[in-house]
């Protein structure tokens, strides 16, 4: 069994990781942690490069912390960093790794932002090739 856990550094993604660790231990599953650097389209080239570098560094820290959390629970994990549309990259990785489950934290976007953007967890629920567990 393969469990994919998208991380973004939020409290809810940490809760999702802890839930995934419990499930991985009980089911003897492989745990895959992913951080996706969202590539903005509207920034100019210089601002975009700096912005992406900041996000990559943040993503590395998030994955290191996630890996340590899993290690503290006696689990080995695979970490992956992707770049692109967050939902699309998670869906592609779930397919490539033949994941049986994606465990994701719910994210508290405001009503206006959720109306225009939709949340990652909502988009995953509609597009994932496997089951989704959304942790609050």
Protein backbone atom coordinates (compact mmCIF):
# COMPACT_ATOMS: atom_id res chain seq x y z
CA UNK A 1 0.00 0.00 0.00
CA UNK A 2 1.28 3.47 -0.90
CA UNK A 3 0.07 6.57 0.95
CA UNK A 4 0.79 10.03 -0.47
CA UNK A 5 0.84 13.02 1.87
CA UNK A 6 1.03 16.50 0.33
CA UNK A 7 2.63 18.94 2.78
CA UNK A 8 2.51 22.73 2.76
CA UNK A 9 3.84 23.60 6.21
CA UNK A 10 0.40 24.32 7.66
CA UNK A 11 -1.00 22.95 10.89
CA UNK A 12 -3.58 20.96 8.92
CA UNK A 13 -0.94 19.29 6.74
CA UNK A 14 0.91 18.34 9.93
CA UNK A 15 -2.28 16.76 11.26
CA UNK A 16 -2.63 14.88 7.97
CA UNK A 17 0.95 13.63 8.30
CA UNK A 18 0.34 12.33 11.82
CA UNK A 19 -2.80 10.54 10.64
CA UNK A 20 -0.84 9.07 7.73
CA UNK A 21 1.92 7.87 10.06
CA UNK A 22 -0.61 6.01 12.22
CA UNK A 23 -2.20 4.42 9.18
CA UNK A 24 1.15 3.53 7.61
CA UNK A 25 2.26 1.78 10.81
CA UNK A 26 -0.99 -0.18 11.10
CA UNK A 27 -1.12 -1.16 7.43
CA UNK A 28 2.65 -1.52 6.89
CA UNK A 29 2.30 0.99 4.06
CA UNK A 30 4.87 3.06 2.20
CA UNK A 31 4.66 6.75 2.98
CA UNK A 32 5.44 9.34 0.30
CA UNK A 33 5.66 13.01 1.28
CA UNK A 34 5.36 15.67 -1.41
CA UNK A 35 5.76 19.43 -1.47
CA UNK A 36 4.69 21.24 -4.63
CA UNK A 37 6.17 24.61 -5.52
CA UNK A 38 3.30 26.50 -7.12
CA UNK A 39 4.65 28.37 -10.15
CA UNK A 40 3.03 31.80 -10.38
CA UNK A 41 2.32 33.13 -13.84
CA UNK A 42 1.81 36.81 -13.09
CA UNK A 43 5.20 37.73 -11.59
CA UNK A 44 7.92 39.25 -13.74
CA UNK A 45 10.96 37.08 -14.52
CA UNK A 46 13.31 38.39 -11.80
CA UNK A 47 10.65 38.43 -9.08
CA UNK A 48 9.54 34.96 -10.17
CA UNK A 49 13.04 33.46 -9.86
CA UNK A 50 13.50 34.89 -6.37
CA UNK A 51 10.00 33.83 -5.34
CA UNK A 52 10.50 30.28 -6.62
CA UNK A 53 13.83 30.00 -4.80
CA UNK A 54 12.19 31.06 -1.53
CA UNK A 55 9.43 28.49 -2.06
CA UNK A 56 11.97 25.74 -2.87
CA UNK A 57 13.90 26.46 0.33
CA UNK A 58 10.69 26.49 2.34
CA UNK A 59 9.63 23.22 0.69
CA UNK A 60 12.94 21.59 1.61
CA UNK A 61 12.40 22.57 5.25
CA UNK A 62 8.82 21.27 5.21
CA UNK A 63 9.95 17.92 3.77
CA UNK A 64 12.84 17.61 6.25
CA UNK A 65 10.45 18.29 9.14
CA UNK A 66 7.92 15.80 7.74
CA UNK A 67 10.58 13.14 7.29
CA UNK A 68 11.75 13.68 10.87
CA UNK A 69 8.18 13.41 12.18
CA UNK A 70 7.77 10.07 10.41
CA UNK A 71 11.20 8.88 11.53
CA UNK A 72 10.27 9.67 15.15
CA UNK A 73 7.36 7.26 14.69
CA UNK A 74 9.64 4.54 13.34
CA UNK A 75 8.79 5.05 9.67
CA UNK A 76 10.97 5.46 6.61
CA UNK A 77 9.54 7.78 4.00
CA UNK A 78 10.19 8.94 0.49
CA UNK A 79 10.20 12.70 -0.08
CA UNK A 80 9.48 14.37 -3.39
CA UNK A 81 9.52 18.02 -4.45
CA UNK A 82 7.59 18.99 -7.57
CA UNK A 83 6.96 22.28 -9.38
CA UNK A 84 3.81 23.32 -11.19
CA UNK A 85 0.10 23.36 -10.51
CA UNK A 86 -0.31 21.92 -7.02
CA UNK A 87 -3.33 19.71 -7.69
CA UNK A 88 -2.07 18.48 -11.07
CA UNK A 89 1.34 17.54 -9.68
CA UNK A 90 -0.18 15.64 -6.74
CA UNK A 91 -2.55 13.75 -9.07
CA UNK A 92 0.32 12.87 -11.45
CA UNK A 93 2.51 11.65 -8.58
CA UNK A 94 -0.35 9.57 -7.14
CA UNK A 95 -0.67 7.87 -10.53
CA UNK A 96 3.08 7.36 -11.04
CA UNK A 97 3.60 5.94 -7.53
CA UNK A 98 0.38 3.87 -7.78
CA UNK A 99 -0.91 5.33 -4.53
CA UNK A 100 -3.87 3.74 -2.81
CA UNK A 101 -4.63 6.77 -0.66
CA UNK A 102 -3.89 10.49 -0.50
CA UNK A 103 -4.11 12.04 2.96
CA UNK A 104 -4.34 15.81 2.86
CA UNK A 105 -5.08 18.54 5.36
CA UNK A 106 -8.07 20.75 4.80
CA UNK A 107 -7.05 24.34 4.35
CA UNK A 108 -9.04 27.24 5.69
CA UNK A 109 -9.30 29.60 2.74
CA UNK A 110 -11.72 32.46 3.09
CA UNK A 111 -15.11 32.12 1.39
CA UNK A 112 -14.17 34.51 -1.43
CA UNK A 113 -10.84 32.82 -2.20
CA UNK A 114 -12.45 29.38 -2.04
CA UNK A 115 -15.16 30.50 -4.48
CA UNK A 116 -12.64 31.72 -7.05
CA UNK A 117 -9.75 29.32 -6.49
CA UNK A 118 -11.17 26.26 -4.80
CA UNK A 119 -9.07 24.52 -2.20
CA UNK A 120 -6.42 21.94 -3.04
CA UNK A 121 -8.27 19.33 -1.00
CA UNK A 122 -11.51 19.97 -2.91
CA UNK A 123 -9.75 19.75 -6.26
CA UNK A 124 -7.99 16.55 -5.20
CA UNK A 125 -11.29 15.02 -4.10
CA UNK A 126 -12.58 15.56 -7.63
CA UNK A 127 -9.46 14.57 -9.58
CA UNK A 128 -7.48 11.99 -7.61
CA UNK A 129 -6.98 8.53 -9.11
CA UNK A 130 -7.38 7.00 -5.64
CA UNK A 131 -9.22 7.54 -2.38
CA UNK A 132 -8.72 10.77 -0.44
CA UNK A 133 -8.74 11.32 3.30
CA UNK A 134 -9.15 14.99 4.21
CA UNK A 135 -8.00 15.73 7.76
CA UNK A 136 -9.31 18.73 9.72
